[in-house]
């Protein structure tokens, strides 16, 4: 299993945990918004590995945006939910769809 896939799964599960309405908000407030900083760094590392392994990286980008804007109460809940789903979908992206393309074509999504 690729490192990017593991990172996508881990960050997706963590985002979905932060999307739990009361519990996620309480955790973010209890850590003094440190959880959002940690998630930003996790998404940045995930983005680097996803780009290096040439897998689609829309999930980590959504996660970065979420980490920046999640301090807004109801928007934060929605963004955590949306980016968690995007990360999980991104992790299970079927690489066989691009099997017919050459390596040069695969570079550009």
Foldseek 3Di string as FASTA:
>chain_A
DAPLLVLLLVLLVVLVQLLPQPRNVVVCVVVVNVVLVVQLVSLVVSQVRCLVVLADNPLSVLSNVLSVPLVPRPVNSVSSNVSSVVSNCSSPPDPVVCVPPDPVVSNPD
